[in-house]
Amino acid sequence: MNLPLRPPPSVHRHEPPAAGNTPPMRSRVTGVLAAVACAACCALPLLIAAGVTTAGAAILEKTLLAVAAGLAAAALGMWWLHRRRTARRAAAAAATCGCGGCGC
């Protein structure tokens, strides 16, 4: 007994690859390092007041503040660049789906 064949679909559709919203691992690691530097920067005044650290820690505090800001900016920049590249790849994949110009 033979079964009838299905007719080919009349509409050819391609789903473009979804652009990832999650930050890449390098951006997450940089963000965690920025948070650690910020926490250390916020803890230094308390340690200075408690007499645990020396007065040279005030210079370290300003340095940690600059490092935390730089790392946070780098993490956000890497995330932005990742999203831009992912969106560009998704648009290129949708434009060149290889279906012969069906307009999908």
C-alpha atoms as a PDB file:
ATOM      1  CA  MET A   1       0.000   0.000   0.000  1.00  0.00           C
ATOM      2  CA  ASN A   2       1.462   3.338  -1.054  1.00  0.00           C
ATOM      3  CA  LEU A   3       0.921   6.552   0.840  1.00  0.00           C
ATOM      4  CA  PRO A   4       0.411   9.821  -1.072  1.00  0.00           C
ATOM      5  CA  LEU A   5       3.287  12.279  -1.078  1.00  0.00           C
ATOM      6  CA  ARG A   6       2.955  15.649   0.579  1.00  0.00           C
ATOM      7  CA  PRO A   7       2.956  18.627  -1.743  1.00  0.00           C
ATOM      8  CA  PRO A   8       5.905  21.011  -1.295  1.00  0.00           C
ATOM      9  CA  PRO A   9       5.204  24.055   0.857  1.00  0.00           C
ATOM     10  CA  SER A  10       4.018  27.034  -1.135  1.00  0.00           C
ATOM     11  CA  VAL A  11       5.739  29.644   1.022  1.00  0.00           C
ATOM     12  CA  HIS A  12       9.458  29.438   1.728  1.00  0.00           C
ATOM     13  CA  ARG A  13      10.286  30.930   5.148  1.00  0.00           C
ATOM     14  CA  HIS A  14      13.565  31.319   6.941  1.00  0.00           C
ATOM     15  CA  GLU A  15      13.893  32.311  10.551  1.00  0.00           C
ATOM     16  CA  PRO A  16      16.900  34.587  11.051  1.00  0.00           C
ATOM     17  CA  PRO A  17      19.230  33.588  13.873  1.00  0.00           C
ATOM     18  CA  ALA A  18      18.253  35.243  17.090  1.00  0.00           C
ATOM     19  CA  ALA A  19      20.587  37.947  18.321  1.00  0.00           C
ATOM     20  CA  GLY A  20      21.928  37.049  21.751  1.00  0.00           C
ATOM     21  CA  ASN A  21      21.033  39.420  24.551  1.00  0.00           C
ATOM     22  CA  THR A  22      23.356  37.889  27.107  1.00  0.00           C
ATOM     23  CA  PRO A  23      26.756  39.465  27.499  1.00  0.00           C
ATOM     24  CA  PRO A  24      29.775  37.408  26.418  1.00  0.00           C
ATOM     25  CA  MET A  25      31.971  35.747  29.043  1.00  0.00           C
ATOM     26  CA  ARG A  26      34.766  38.327  28.701  1.00  0.00           C
ATOM     27  CA  SER A  27      32.290  41.103  29.454  1.00  0.00           C
ATOM     28  CA  ARG A  28      30.907  39.256  32.480  1.00  0.00           C
ATOM     29  CA  VAL A  29      34.391  38.638  33.874  1.00  0.00           C
ATOM     30  CA  THR A  30      35.319  42.282  33.372  1.00  0.00           C
ATOM     31  CA  GLY A  31      32.092  43.336  35.085  1.00  0.00           C
ATOM     32  CA  VAL A  32      32.827  41.100  38.078  1.00  0.00           C
ATOM     33  CA  LEU A  33      36.341  42.522  38.331  1.00  0.00           C
ATOM     34  CA  ALA A  34      34.867  46.037  38.238  1.00  0.00           C
ATOM     35  CA  ALA A  35      32.482  45.113  41.064  1.00  0.00           C
ATOM     36  CA  VAL A  36      35.336  43.687  43.154  1.00  0.00           C
ATOM     37  CA  ALA A  37      37.437  46.822  42.592  1.00  0.00           C
ATOM     38  CA  CYS A  38      34.455  48.976  43.535  1.00  0.00           C
ATOM     39  CA  ALA A  39      33.827  46.954  46.711  1.00  0.00           C
ATOM     40  CA  ALA A  40      37.492  47.250  47.679  1.00  0.00           C
ATOM     41  CA  CYS A  41      37.360  50.989  47.006  1.00  0.00           C
ATOM     42  CA  CYS A  42      34.315  51.349  49.243  1.00  0.00           C
ATOM     43  CA  ALA A  43      35.858  49.227  52.006  1.00  0.00           C
ATOM     44  CA  LEU A  44      39.126  51.180  52.188  1.00  0.00           C
ATOM     45  CA  PRO A  45      37.729  54.250  54.029  1.00  0.00           C
ATOM     46  CA  LEU A  46      36.318  51.960  56.695  1.00  0.00           C
ATOM     47  CA  LEU A  47      39.636  50.155  57.035  1.00  0.00           C
ATOM     48  CA  ILE A  48      41.492  53.480  57.255  1.00  0.00           C
ATOM     49  CA  ALA A  49      39.108  54.741  59.961  1.00  0.00           C
ATOM     50  CA  ALA A  50      39.508  51.505  61.892  1.00  0.00           C
ATOM     51  CA  GLY A  51      43.282  51.904  61.770  1.00  0.00           C
ATOM     52  CA  VAL A  52      43.833  48.630  59.935  1.00  0.00           C
ATOM     53  CA  THR A  53      45.593  50.168  56.938  1.00  0.00           C
ATOM     54  CA  THR A  54      48.065  53.003  56.594  1.00  0.00           C
ATOM     55  CA  ALA A  55      47.534  56.453  55.152  1.00  0.00           C
ATOM     56  CA  GLY A  56      48.982  55.278  51.813  1.00  0.00           C
ATOM     57  CA  ALA A  57      45.709  53.466  51.280  1.00  0.00           C
ATOM     58  CA  ALA A  58      44.076  56.783  50.350  1.00  0.00           C
ATOM     59  CA  ILE A  59      46.142  56.803  47.167  1.00  0.00           C
ATOM     60  CA  LEU A  60      45.167  53.187  46.577  1.00  0.00           C
ATOM     61  CA  GLU A  61      41.517  54.169  47.019  1.00  0.00           C
ATOM     62  CA  LYS A  62      41.681  56.727  44.212  1.00  0.00           C
ATOM     63  CA  THR A  63      43.485  54.226  42.000  1.00  0.00           C
ATOM     64  CA  LEU A  64      40.864  51.552  42.675  1.00  0.00           C
ATOM     65  CA  LEU A  65      38.118  54.022  41.824  1.00  0.00           C
ATOM     66  CA  ALA A  66      39.735  54.724  38.456  1.00  0.00           C
ATOM     67  CA  VAL A  67      40.313  51.010  37.817  1.00  0.00           C
ATOM     68  CA  ALA A  68      36.679  50.182  38.664  1.00  0.00           C
ATOM     69  CA  ALA A  69      35.400  52.889  36.324  1.00  0.00           C
ATOM     70  CA  GLY A  70      37.703  51.737  33.539  1.00  0.00           C
ATOM     71  CA  LEU A  71      36.693  48.099  33.936  1.00  0.00           C
ATOM     72  CA  ALA A  72      32.996  48.987  33.970  1.00  0.00           C
ATOM     73  CA  ALA A  73      33.403  51.031  30.785  1.00  0.00           C
ATOM     74  CA  ALA A  74      35.338  48.179  29.159  1.00  0.00           C
ATOM     75  CA  ALA A  75      32.661  45.634  30.118  1.00  0.00           C
ATOM     76  CA  LEU A  76      29.894  47.795  28.673  1.00  0.00           C
ATOM     77  CA  GLY A  77      31.921  48.420  25.524  1.00  0.00           C
ATOM     78  CA  MET A  78      32.553  44.716  24.999  1.00  0.00           C
ATOM     79  CA  TRP A  79      28.864  43.951  25.484  1.00  0.00           C
ATOM     80  CA  TRP A  80      27.882  46.654  22.989  1.00  0.00           C
ATOM     81  CA  LEU A  81      30.405  45.378  20.455  1.00  0.00           C
ATOM     82  CA  HIS A  82      29.172  41.797  20.903  1.00  0.00           C
ATOM     83  CA  ARG A  83      25.540  42.826  20.323  1.00  0.00           C
ATOM     84  CA  ARG A  84      26.526  44.865  17.271  1.00  0.00           C
ATOM     85  CA  ARG A  85      28.456  41.978  15.718  1.00  0.00           C
ATOM     86  CA  THR A  86      25.687  39.481  16.503  1.00  0.00           C
ATOM     87  CA  ALA A  87      23.038  41.714  14.940  1.00  0.00           C
ATOM     88  CA  ARG A  88      25.210  42.230  11.867  1.00  0.00           C
ATOM     89  CA  ARG A  89      25.710  38.469  11.465  1.00  0.00           C
ATOM     90  CA  ALA A  90      21.984  37.843  11.860  1.00  0.00           C
ATOM     91  CA  ALA A  91      21.172  40.446   9.216  1.00  0.00           C
ATOM     92  CA  ALA A  92      23.756  38.988   6.834  1.00  0.00           C
ATOM     93  CA  ALA A  93      22.413  35.463   7.350  1.00  0.00           C
ATOM     94  CA  ALA A  94      18.867  36.631   6.639  1.00  0.00           C
ATOM     95  CA  ALA A  95      19.965  38.470   3.499  1.00  0.00           C
ATOM     96  CA  THR A  96      21.885  35.523   2.062  1.00  0.00           C
ATOM     97  CA  CYS A  97      19.673  32.590   2.954  1.00  0.00           C
ATOM     98  CA  GLY A  98      20.542  30.796  -0.295  1.00  0.00           C
ATOM     99  CA  CYS A  99      16.974  30.212  -1.414  1.00  0.00           C
ATOM    100  CA  GLY A 100      17.315  31.922  -4.759  1.00  0.00           C
ATOM    101  CA  GLY A 101      15.800  35.303  -3.975  1.00  0.00           C
ATOM    102  CA  CYS A 102      12.365  34.261  -2.757  1.00  0.00           C
ATOM    103  CA  GLY A 103      12.049  37.468  -0.751  1.00  0.00           C
ATOM    104  CA  CYS A 104      11.875  35.863   2.648  1.00  0.00           C
END
